[in-house]
Amino acid sequence: MEDNFDDFDFENFMEESNKEWNSKMEKWKERMVIEAINTNYDNISKNGISEWHARHLSQTELFNLIETLNYMIEHYVESEEYEKCALLKKELGKIDDLMTTR
């Protein structure tokens, strides 16, 4: 049997392969983000956010921390894990208090 490469649509093959690859990479990225959120939550629930450490963060670092906590809260709202939102809101309140005393 002779292979006929003239019938092979390389561009279509590559396009489909890229779509599949991109889909797999997007799923992997989502899993990694969720894993990071859950790891951060576990650490915060065990240790809280250290007021001493937070006081020594730069303004940019504090804003990044606030952004991270808000991102985590949004994730847990979407997954309807409201008890986790409550704990994160409490920690966010600590950061807000620090910001107002600066």
PDB file of N, CA and C in Angstrom:
ATOM      1  N   MET A   1       0.854  -1.179   0.000  1.00  0.00           N
ATOM      2  CA  MET A   1       0.000   0.000   0.000  1.00  0.00           C
ATOM      3  C   MET A   1       0.894   1.234   0.000  1.00  0.00           C
ATOM      4  N   GLU A   2       0.619   2.141  -0.858  1.00  0.00           N
ATOM      5  CA  GLU A   2       1.435   3.345  -1.015  1.00  0.00           C
ATOM      6  C   GLU A   2       0.758   4.513  -0.299  1.00  0.00           C
ATOM      7  N   ASP A   3       1.538   5.233   0.544  1.00  0.00           N
ATOM      8  CA  ASP A   3       1.012   6.419   1.219  1.00  0.00           C
ATOM      9  C   ASP A   3       0.977   7.570   0.232  1.00  0.00           C
ATOM     10  N   ASN A   4      -0.120   8.284   0.235  1.00  0.00           N
ATOM     11  CA  ASN A   4      -0.242   9.433  -0.633  1.00  0.00           C
ATOM     12  C   ASN A   4      -0.253  10.687   0.238  1.00  0.00           C
ATOM     13  N   PHE A   5       0.904  11.350   0.343  1.00  0.00           N
ATOM     14  CA  PHE A   5       1.030  12.534   1.187  1.00  0.00           C
ATOM     15  C   PHE A   5       0.382  13.761   0.570  1.00  0.00           C
ATOM     16  N   ASP A   6       0.008  13.683  -0.685  1.00  0.00           N
ATOM     17  CA  ASP A   6      -0.663  14.812  -1.323  1.00  0.00           C
ATOM     18  C   ASP A   6      -2.045  15.046  -0.716  1.00  0.00           C
ATOM     19  N   ASP A   7      -2.642  14.007  -0.148  1.00  0.00           N
ATOM     20  CA  ASP A   7      -3.965  14.125   0.445  1.00  0.00           C
ATOM     21  C   ASP A   7      -3.918  14.616   1.900  1.00  0.00           C
ATOM     22  N   PHE A   8      -2.746  14.686   2.466  1.00  0.00           N
ATOM     23  CA  PHE A   8      -2.599  15.068   3.869  1.00  0.00           C
ATOM     24  C   PHE A   8      -2.625  16.591   3.993  1.00  0.00           C
ATOM     25  N   ASP A   9      -3.559  17.089   4.802  1.00  0.00           N
ATOM     26  CA  ASP A   9      -3.697  18.531   5.021  1.00  0.00           C
ATOM     27  C   ASP A   9      -2.919  18.908   6.279  1.00  0.00           C
ATOM     28  N   PHE A  10      -1.672  19.272   6.087  1.00  0.00           N
ATOM     29  CA  PHE A  10      -0.778  19.564   7.202  1.00  0.00           C
ATOM     30  C   PHE A  10      -1.275  20.763   8.019  1.00  0.00           C
ATOM     31  N   GLU A  11      -1.718  21.813   7.370  1.00  0.00           N
ATOM     32  CA  GLU A  11      -2.189  23.006   8.089  1.00  0.00           C
ATOM     33  C   GLU A  11      -3.384  22.683   8.976  1.00  0.00           C
ATOM     34  N   ASN A  12      -4.322  21.915   8.470  1.00  0.00           N
ATOM     35  CA  ASN A  12      -5.483  21.518   9.264  1.00  0.00           C
ATOM     36  C   ASN A  12      -5.043  20.639  10.440  1.00  0.00           C
ATOM     37  N   PHE A  13      -4.127  19.732  10.167  1.00  0.00           N
ATOM     38  CA  PHE A  13      -3.601  18.860  11.220  1.00  0.00           C
ATOM     39  C   PHE A  13      -2.975  19.694  12.330  1.00  0.00           C
ATOM     40  N   MET A  14      -2.144  20.670  11.967  1.00  0.00           N
ATOM     41  CA  MET A  14      -1.472  21.510  12.953  1.00  0.00           C
ATOM     42  C   MET A  14      -2.467  22.377  13.706  1.00  0.00           C
ATOM     43  N   GLU A  15      -3.464  22.880  13.011  1.00  0.00           N
ATOM     44  CA  GLU A  15      -4.479  23.702  13.657  1.00  0.00           C
ATOM     45  C   GLU A  15      -5.236  22.893  14.705  1.00  0.00           C
ATOM     46  N   GLU A  16      -5.647  21.680  14.351  1.00  0.00           N
ATOM     47  CA  GLU A  16      -6.356  20.808  15.288  1.00  0.00           C
ATOM     48  C   GLU A  16      -5.448  20.415  16.454  1.00  0.00           C
ATOM     49  N   SER A  17      -4.191  20.128  16.163  1.00  0.00           N
ATOM     50  CA  SER A  17      -3.235  19.771  17.215  1.00  0.00           C
ATOM     51  C   SER A  17      -3.038  20.929  18.172  1.00  0.00           C
ATOM     52  N   ASN A  18      -2.946  22.140  17.638  1.00  0.00           N
ATOM     53  CA  ASN A  18      -2.783  23.322  18.480  1.00  0.00           C
ATOM     54  C   ASN A  18      -4.000  23.560  19.353  1.00  0.00           C
ATOM     55  N   LYS A  19      -5.206  23.357  18.799  1.00  0.00           N
ATOM     56  CA  LYS A  19      -6.429  23.524  19.588  1.00  0.00           C
ATOM     57  C   LYS A  19      -6.439  22.539  20.756  1.00  0.00           C
ATOM     58  N   GLU A  20      -6.086  21.287  20.463  1.00  0.00           N
ATOM     59  CA  GLU A  20      -6.057  20.264  21.509  1.00  0.00           C
ATOM     60  C   GLU A  20      -5.007  20.612  22.557  1.00  0.00           C
ATOM     61  N   TRP A  21      -3.833  21.013  22.098  1.00  0.00           N
ATOM     62  CA  TRP A  21      -2.735  21.387  23.003  1.00  0.00           C
ATOM     63  C   TRP A  21      -3.156  22.573  23.875  1.00  0.00           C
ATOM     64  N   ASN A  22      -3.727  23.598  23.256  1.00  0.00           N
ATOM     65  CA  ASN A  22      -4.153  24.780  24.005  1.00  0.00           C
ATOM     66  C   ASN A  22      -5.227  24.435  25.027  1.00  0.00           C
ATOM     67  N   SER A  23      -6.128  23.553  24.658  1.00  0.00           N
ATOM     68  CA  SER A  23      -7.178  23.124  25.583  1.00  0.00           C
ATOM     69  C   SER A  23      -6.578  22.406  26.791  1.00  0.00           C
ATOM     70  N   LYS A  24      -5.645  21.521  26.526  1.00  0.00           N
ATOM     71  CA  LYS A  24      -4.992  20.800  27.623  1.00  0.00           C
ATOM     72  C   LYS A  24      -4.199  21.749  28.509  1.00  0.00           C
ATOM     73  N   MET A  25      -3.518  22.717  27.905  1.00  0.00           N
ATOM     74  CA  MET A  25      -2.734  23.672  28.679  1.00  0.00           C
ATOM     75  C   MET A  25      -3.642  24.564  29.525  1.00  0.00           C
ATOM     76  N   GLU A  26      -4.783  24.955  28.986  1.00  0.00           N
ATOM     77  CA  GLU A  26      -5.727  25.781  29.734  1.00  0.00           C
ATOM     78  C   GLU A  26      -6.273  25.007  30.934  1.00  0.00           C
ATOM     79  N   LYS A  27      -6.603  23.728  30.744  1.00  0.00           N
ATOM     80  CA  LYS A  27      -7.076  22.899  31.860  1.00  0.00           C
ATOM     81  C   LYS A  27      -5.994  22.743  32.915  1.00  0.00           C
ATOM     82  N   TRP A  28      -4.750  22.551  32.487  1.00  0.00           N
ATOM     83  CA  TRP A  28      -3.631  22.409  33.424  1.00  0.00           C
ATOM     84  C   TRP A  28      -3.452  23.706  34.209  1.00  0.00           C
ATOM     85  N   LYS A  29      -3.528  24.838  33.515  1.00  0.00           N
ATOM     86  CA  LYS A  29      -3.379  26.140  34.165  1.00  0.00           C
ATOM     87  C   LYS A  29      -4.471  26.332  35.221  1.00  0.00           C
ATOM     88  N   GLU A  30      -5.708  26.004  34.871  1.00  0.00           N
ATOM     89  CA  GLU A  30      -6.821  26.129  35.813  1.00  0.00           C
ATOM     90  C   GLU A  30      -6.592  25.270  37.052  1.00  0.00           C
ATOM     91  N   ARG A  31      -6.121  24.035  36.838  1.00  0.00           N
ATOM     92  CA  ARG A  31      -5.838  23.146  37.975  1.00  0.00           C
ATOM     93  C   ARG A  31      -4.745  23.719  38.865  1.00  0.00           C
ATOM     94  N   MET A  32      -3.721  24.303  38.257  1.00  0.00           N
ATOM     95  CA  MET A  32      -2.620  24.877  39.029  1.00  0.00           C
ATOM     96  C   MET A  32      -3.091  26.092  39.835  1.00  0.00           C
ATOM     97  N   VAL A  33      -3.942  26.913  39.254  1.00  0.00           N
ATOM     98  CA  VAL A  33      -4.475  28.078  39.961  1.00  0.00           C
ATOM     99  C   VAL A  33      -5.328  27.621  41.145  1.00  0.00           C
ATOM    100  N   ILE A  34      -6.178  26.642  40.922  1.00  0.00           N
ATOM    101  CA  ILE A  34      -7.018  26.121  42.007  1.00  0.00           C
ATOM    102  C   ILE A  34      -6.158  25.502  43.100  1.00  0.00           C
ATOM    103  N   GLU A  35      -5.128  24.784  42.718  1.00  0.00           N
ATOM    104  CA  GLU A  35      -4.223  24.197  43.716  1.00  0.00           C
ATOM    105  C   GLU A  35      -3.534  25.289  44.532  1.00  0.00           C
ATOM    106  N   ALA A  36      -3.109  26.354  43.875  1.00  0.00           N
ATOM    107  CA  ALA A  36      -2.464  27.467  44.580  1.00  0.00           C
ATOM    108  C   ALA A  36      -3.448  28.149  45.530  1.00  0.00           C
ATOM    109  N   ILE A  37      -4.676  28.356  45.070  1.00  0.00           N
ATOM    110  CA  ILE A  37      -5.699  28.973  45.924  1.00  0.00           C
ATOM    111  C   ILE A  37      -5.931  28.112  47.161  1.00  0.00           C
ATOM    112  N   ASN A  38      -6.095  26.805  46.961  1.00  0.00           N
ATOM    113  CA  ASN A  38      -6.357  25.913  48.094  1.00  0.00           C
ATOM    114  C   ASN A  38      -5.168  25.828  49.042  1.00  0.00           C
ATOM    115  N   THR A  39      -3.964  25.823  48.509  1.00  0.00           N
ATOM    116  CA  THR A  39      -2.760  25.800  49.355  1.00  0.00           C
ATOM    117  C   THR A  39      -2.673  27.084  50.173  1.00  0.00           C
ATOM    118  N   ASN A  40      -2.909  28.228  49.516  1.00  0.00           N
ATOM    119  CA  ASN A  40      -2.896  29.500  50.240  1.00  0.00           C
ATOM    120  C   ASN A  40      -3.966  29.521  51.321  1.00  0.00           C
ATOM    121  N   TYR A  41      -5.157  29.035  50.978  1.00  0.00           N
ATOM    122  CA  TYR A  41      -6.242  29.009  51.958  1.00  0.00           C
ATOM    123  C   TYR A  41      -5.866  28.147  53.161  1.00  0.00           C
ATOM    124  N   ASP A  42      -5.305  26.961  52.903  1.00  0.00           N
ATOM    125  CA  ASP A  42      -4.911  26.075  54.001  1.00  0.00           C
ATOM    126  C   ASP A  42      -3.906  26.768  54.919  1.00  0.00           C
ATOM    127  N   ASN A  43      -2.932  27.445  54.335  1.00  0.00           N
ATOM    128  CA  ASN A  43      -1.929  28.151  55.142  1.00  0.00           C
ATOM    129  C   ASN A  43      -2.552  29.291  55.930  1.00  0.00           C
ATOM    130  N   ILE A  44      -3.450  30.038  55.295  1.00  0.00           N
ATOM    131  CA  ILE A  44      -4.107  31.153  55.989  1.00  0.00           C
ATOM    132  C   ILE A  44      -5.005  30.633  57.094  1.00  0.00           C
ATOM    133  N   SER A  45      -5.732  29.540  56.842  1.00  0.00           N
ATOM    134  CA  SER A  45      -6.641  29.016  57.868  1.00  0.00           C
ATOM    135  C   SER A  45      -5.869  28.462  59.066  1.00  0.00           C
ATOM    136  N   LYS A  46      -4.677  27.932  58.837  1.00  0.00           N
ATOM    137  CA  LYS A  46      -3.857  27.400  59.932  1.00  0.00           C
ATOM    138  C   LYS A  46      -3.126  28.499  60.694  1.00  0.00           C
ATOM    139  N   ASN A  47      -2.602  29.481  59.959  1.00  0.00           N
ATOM    140  CA  ASN A  47      -1.699  30.460  60.565  1.00  0.00           C
ATOM    141  C   ASN A  47      -2.226  31.888  60.579  1.00  0.00           C
ATOM    142  N   GLY A  48      -3.249  32.164  59.809  1.00  0.00           N
ATOM    143  CA  GLY A  48      -3.698  33.546  59.646  1.00  0.00           C
ATOM    144  C   GLY A  48      -2.647  34.337  58.883  1.00  0.00           C
ATOM    145  N   ILE A  49      -2.899  35.608  58.749  1.00  0.00           N
ATOM    146  CA  ILE A  49      -1.910  36.497  58.142  1.00  0.00           C
ATOM    147  C   ILE A  49      -1.265  37.257  59.274  1.00  0.00           C
ATOM    148  N   SER A  50       0.031  37.142  59.369  1.00  0.00           N
ATOM    149  CA  SER A  50       0.776  37.771  60.450  1.00  0.00           C
ATOM    150  C   SER A  50       0.689  39.289  60.345  1.00  0.00           C
ATOM    151  N   GLU A  51       0.163  39.915  61.410  1.00  0.00           N
ATOM    152  CA  GLU A  51       0.083  41.371  61.422  1.00  0.00           C
ATOM    153  C   GLU A  51       1.480  41.983  61.367  1.00  0.00           C
ATOM    154  N   TRP A  52       2.417  41.376  62.086  1.00  0.00           N
ATOM    155  CA  TRP A  52       3.782  41.889  62.072  1.00  0.00           C
ATOM    156  C   TRP A  52       4.354  41.856  60.658  1.00  0.00           C
ATOM    157  N   HIS A  53       4.192  40.734  60.004  1.00  0.00           N
ATOM    158  CA  HIS A  53       4.710  40.603  58.638  1.00  0.00           C
ATOM    159  C   HIS A  53       3.999  41.574  57.695  1.00  0.00           C
ATOM    160  N   ALA A  54       2.696  41.675  57.820  1.00  0.00           N
ATOM    161  CA  ALA A  54       1.932  42.569  56.950  1.00  0.00           C
ATOM    162  C   ALA A  54       2.351  44.025  57.149  1.00  0.00           C
ATOM    163  N   ARG A  55       2.646  44.416  58.395  1.00  0.00           N
ATOM    164  CA  ARG A  55       3.095  45.783  58.666  1.00  0.00           C
ATOM    165  C   ARG A  55       4.405  46.104  57.962  1.00  0.00           C
ATOM    166  N   HIS A  56       5.208  45.093  57.694  1.00  0.00           N
ATOM    167  CA  HIS A  56       6.515  45.293  57.082  1.00  0.00           C
ATOM    168  C   HIS A  56       6.497  45.116  55.561  1.00  0.00           C
ATOM    169  N   LEU A  57       5.325  44.916  54.987  1.00  0.00           N
ATOM    170  CA  LEU A  57       5.210  44.829  53.536  1.00  0.00           C
ATOM    171  C   LEU A  57       5.171  46.231  52.940  1.00  0.00           C
ATOM    172  N   SER A  58       5.689  46.355  51.755  1.00  0.00           N
ATOM    173  CA  SER A  58       5.590  47.635  51.048  1.00  0.00           C
ATOM    174  C   SER A  58       4.138  47.849  50.629  1.00  0.00           C
ATOM    175  N   GLN A  59       3.840  49.064  50.227  1.00  0.00           N
ATOM    176  CA  GLN A  59       2.487  49.390  49.762  1.00  0.00           C
ATOM    177  C   GLN A  59       2.090  48.492  48.588  1.00  0.00           C
ATOM    178  N   THR A  60       3.014  48.280  47.655  1.00  0.00           N
ATOM    179  CA  THR A  60       2.752  47.430  46.488  1.00  0.00           C
ATOM    180  C   THR A  60       2.482  46.001  46.921  1.00  0.00           C
ATOM    181  N   GLU A  61       3.269  45.499  47.861  1.00  0.00           N
ATOM    182  CA  GLU A  61       3.060  44.131  48.346  1.00  0.00           C
ATOM    183  C   GLU A  61       1.713  43.992  49.046  1.00  0.00           C
ATOM    184  N   LEU A  62       1.323  45.018  49.797  1.00  0.00           N
ATOM    185  CA  LEU A  62       0.012  44.983  50.451  1.00  0.00           C
ATOM    186  C   LEU A  62      -1.118  44.968  49.425  1.00  0.00           C
ATOM    187  N   PHE A  63      -1.004  45.796  48.403  1.00  0.00           N
ATOM    188  CA  PHE A  63      -2.026  45.796  47.356  1.00  0.00           C
ATOM    189  C   PHE A  63      -2.072  44.444  46.645  1.00  0.00           C
ATOM    190  N   ASN A  64      -0.921  43.829  46.418  1.00  0.00           N
ATOM    191  CA  ASN A  64      -0.888  42.500  45.802  1.00  0.00           C
ATOM    192  C   ASN A  64      -1.550  41.460  46.702  1.00  0.00           C
ATOM    193  N   LEU A  65      -1.313  41.563  47.996  1.00  0.00           N
ATOM    194  CA  LEU A  65      -1.934  40.643  48.952  1.00  0.00           C
ATOM    195  C   LEU A  65      -3.456  40.824  48.939  1.00  0.00           C
ATOM    196  N   ILE A  66      -3.902  42.064  48.916  1.00  0.00           N
ATOM    197  CA  ILE A  66      -5.341  42.339  48.860  1.00  0.00           C
ATOM    198  C   ILE A  66      -5.936  41.769  47.578  1.00  0.00           C
ATOM    199  N   GLU A  67      -5.245  41.962  46.474  1.00  0.00           N
ATOM    200  CA  GLU A  67      -5.714  41.440  45.193  1.00  0.00           C
ATOM    201  C   GLU A  67      -5.801  39.914  45.222  1.00  0.00           C
ATOM    202  N   THR A  68      -4.806  39.284  45.809  1.00  0.00           N
ATOM    203  CA  THR A  68      -4.805  37.817  45.917  1.00  0.00           C
ATOM    204  C   THR A  68      -5.966  37.329  46.766  1.00  0.00           C
ATOM    205  N   LEU A  69      -6.173  37.966  47.916  1.00  0.00           N
ATOM    206  CA  LEU A  69      -7.278  37.568  48.791  1.00  0.00           C
ATOM    207  C   LEU A  69      -8.622  37.765  48.089  1.00  0.00           C
ATOM    208  N   ASN A  70      -8.780  38.864  47.376  1.00  0.00           N
ATOM    209  CA  ASN A  70     -10.035  39.090  46.637  1.00  0.00           C
ATOM    210  C   ASN A  70     -10.227  38.051  45.536  1.00  0.00           C
ATOM    211  N   TYR A  71      -9.151  37.682  44.856  1.00  0.00           N
ATOM    212  CA  TYR A  71      -9.228  36.646  43.815  1.00  0.00           C
ATOM    213  C   TYR A  71      -9.663  35.321  44.429  1.00  0.00           C
ATOM    214  N   MET A  72      -9.087  35.001  45.593  1.00  0.00           N
ATOM    215  CA  MET A  72      -9.458  33.766  46.283  1.00  0.00           C
ATOM    216  C   MET A  72     -10.919  33.794  46.698  1.00  0.00           C
ATOM    217  N   ILE A  73     -11.365  34.931  47.204  1.00  0.00           N
ATOM    218  CA  ILE A  73     -12.765  35.064  47.612  1.00  0.00           C
ATOM    219  C   ILE A  73     -13.687  34.855  46.413  1.00  0.00           C
ATOM    220  N   GLU A  74     -13.359  35.472  45.290  1.00  0.00           N
ATOM    221  CA  GLU A  74     -14.174  35.284  44.077  1.00  0.00           C
ATOM    222  C   GLU A  74     -14.256  33.808  43.694  1.00  0.00           C
ATOM    223  N   HIS A  75     -13.119  33.117  43.783  1.00  0.00           N
ATOM    224  CA  HIS A  75     -13.103  31.684  43.454  1.00  0.00           C
ATOM    225  C   HIS A  75     -14.048  30.913  44.371  1.00  0.00           C
ATOM    226  N   TYR A  76     -13.972  31.196  45.666  1.00  0.00           N
ATOM    227  CA  TYR A  76     -14.803  30.453  46.614  1.00  0.00           C
ATOM    228  C   TYR A  76     -16.280  30.858  46.521  1.00  0.00           C
ATOM    229  N   VAL A  77     -16.576  32.073  46.116  1.00  0.00           N
ATOM    230  CA  VAL A  77     -17.972  32.461  45.877  1.00  0.00           C
ATOM    231  C   VAL A  77     -18.512  31.647  44.704  1.00  0.00           C
ATOM    232  N   GLU A  78     -17.713  31.559  43.627  1.00  0.00           N
ATOM    233  CA  GLU A  78     -18.148  30.794  42.452  1.00  0.00           C
ATOM    234  C   GLU A  78     -18.383  29.327  42.780  1.00  0.00           C
ATOM    235  N   SER A  79     -17.569  28.779  43.680  1.00  0.00           N
ATOM    236  CA  SER A  79     -17.741  27.372  44.036  1.00  0.00           C
ATOM    237  C   SER A  79     -18.636  27.204  45.270  1.00  0.00           C
ATOM    238  N   GLU A  80     -19.258  28.315  45.695  1.00  0.00           N
ATOM    239  CA  GLU A  80     -20.209  28.321  46.810  1.00  0.00           C
ATOM    240  C   GLU A  80     -19.626  27.768  48.102  1.00  0.00           C
ATOM    241  N   GLU A  81     -18.376  28.095  48.374  1.00  0.00           N
ATOM    242  CA  GLU A  81     -17.717  27.704  49.626  1.00  0.00           C
ATOM    243  C   GLU A  81     -17.627  28.943  50.507  1.00  0.00           C
ATOM    244  N   TYR A  82     -18.783  29.341  51.016  1.00  0.00           N
ATOM    245  CA  TYR A  82     -18.910  30.622  51.692  1.00  0.00           C
ATOM    246  C   TYR A  82     -18.178  30.683  53.030  1.00  0.00           C
ATOM    247  N   GLU A  83     -18.018  29.546  53.696  1.00  0.00           N
ATOM    248  CA  GLU A  83     -17.284  29.564  54.971  1.00  0.00           C
ATOM    249  C   GLU A  83     -15.828  29.968  54.742  1.00  0.00           C
ATOM    250  N   LYS A  84     -15.285  29.592  53.602  1.00  0.00           N
ATOM    251  CA  LYS A  84     -13.917  29.995  53.263  1.00  0.00           C
ATOM    252  C   LYS A  84     -13.870  31.481  52.957  1.00  0.00           C
ATOM    253  N   CYS A  85     -14.905  31.988  52.323  1.00  0.00           N
ATOM    254  CA  CYS A  85     -14.983  33.424  52.039  1.00  0.00           C
ATOM    255  C   CYS A  85     -14.973  34.216  53.343  1.00  0.00           C
ATOM    256  N   ALA A  86     -15.705  33.733  54.343  1.00  0.00           N
ATOM    257  CA  ALA A  86     -15.797  34.441  55.620  1.00  0.00           C
ATOM    258  C   ALA A  86     -14.426  34.551  56.274  1.00  0.00           C
ATOM    259  N   LEU A  87     -13.667  33.459  56.269  1.00  0.00           N
ATOM    260  CA  LEU A  87     -12.332  33.492  56.870  1.00  0.00           C
ATOM    261  C   LEU A  87     -11.427  34.461  56.109  1.00  0.00           C
ATOM    262  N   LEU A  88     -11.487  34.420  54.784  1.00  0.00           N
ATOM    263  CA  LEU A  88     -10.647  35.310  53.981  1.00  0.00           C
ATOM    264  C   LEU A  88     -11.059  36.772  54.168  1.00  0.00           C
ATOM    265  N   LYS A  89     -12.350  37.038  54.289  1.00  0.00           N
ATOM    266  CA  LYS A  89     -12.824  38.404  54.540  1.00  0.00           C
ATOM    267  C   LYS A  89     -12.290  38.919  55.882  1.00  0.00           C
ATOM    268  N   LYS A  90     -12.253  38.040  56.876  1.00  0.00           N
ATOM    269  CA  LYS A  90     -11.721  38.420  58.186  1.00  0.00           C
ATOM    270  C   LYS A  90     -10.250  38.823  58.056  1.00  0.00           C
ATOM    271  N   GLU A  91      -9.485  38.026  57.335  1.00  0.00           N
ATOM    272  CA  GLU A  91      -8.066  38.334  57.135  1.00  0.00           C
ATOM    273  C   GLU A  91      -7.899  39.608  56.308  1.00  0.00           C
ATOM    274  N   LEU A  92      -8.771  39.797  55.341  1.00  0.00           N
ATOM    275  CA  LEU A  92      -8.742  41.007  54.522  1.00  0.00           C
ATOM    276  C   LEU A  92      -9.019  42.238  55.391  1.00  0.00           C
ATOM    277  N   GLY A  93      -9.893  42.067  56.365  1.00  0.00           N
ATOM    278  CA  GLY A  93     -10.179  43.159  57.306  1.00  0.00           C
ATOM    279  C   GLY A  93      -8.940  43.578  58.077  1.00  0.00           C
ATOM    280  N   LYS A  94      -8.101  42.607  58.463  1.00  0.00           N
ATOM    281  CA  LYS A  94      -6.842  42.918  59.154  1.00  0.00           C
ATOM    282  C   LYS A  94      -5.951  43.787  58.274  1.00  0.00           C
ATOM    283  N   ILE A  95      -5.882  43.437  57.013  1.00  0.00           N
ATOM    284  CA  ILE A  95      -5.053  44.189  56.074  1.00  0.00           C
ATOM    285  C   ILE A  95      -5.620  45.593  55.892  1.00  0.00           C
ATOM    286  N   ASP A  96      -6.933  45.689  55.759  1.00  0.00           N
ATOM    287  CA  ASP A  96      -7.566  47.010  55.616  1.00  0.00           C
ATOM    288  C   ASP A  96      -7.275  47.877  56.835  1.00  0.00           C
ATOM    289  N   ASP A  97      -7.333  47.284  58.027  1.00  0.00           N
ATOM    290  CA  ASP A  97      -7.027  48.043  59.256  1.00  0.00           C
ATOM    291  C   ASP A  97      -5.587  48.561  59.226  1.00  0.00           C
ATOM    292  N   LEU A  98      -4.668  47.723  58.777  1.00  0.00           N
ATOM    293  CA  LEU A  98      -3.268  48.142  58.679  1.00  0.00           C
ATOM    294  C   LEU A  98      -3.101  49.278  57.682  1.00  0.00           C
ATOM    295  N   MET A  99      -3.831  49.207  56.582  1.00  0.00           N
ATOM    296  CA  MET A  99      -3.729  50.230  55.545  1.00  0.00           C
ATOM    297  C   MET A  99      -4.213  51.583  56.060  1.00  0.00           C
ATOM    298  N   THR A 100      -5.218  51.577  56.910  1.00  0.00           N
ATOM    299  CA  THR A 100      -5.769  52.846  57.417  1.00  0.00           C
ATOM    300  C   THR A 100      -4.882  53.461  58.500  1.00  0.00           C
ATOM    301  N   THR A 101      -4.046  52.655  59.143  1.00  0.00           N
ATOM    302  CA  THR A 101      -3.168  53.175  60.184  1.00  0.00           C
ATOM    303  C   THR A 101      -1.815  53.628  59.640  1.00  0.00           C
ATOM    304  N   ARG A 102      -1.579  53.436  58.366  1.00  0.00           N
ATOM    305  CA  ARG A 102      -0.295  53.856  57.767  1.00  0.00           C
ATOM    306  C   ARG A 102      -0.286  55.329  57.498  1.00  0.00           C
TER     307      ARG A 102
END
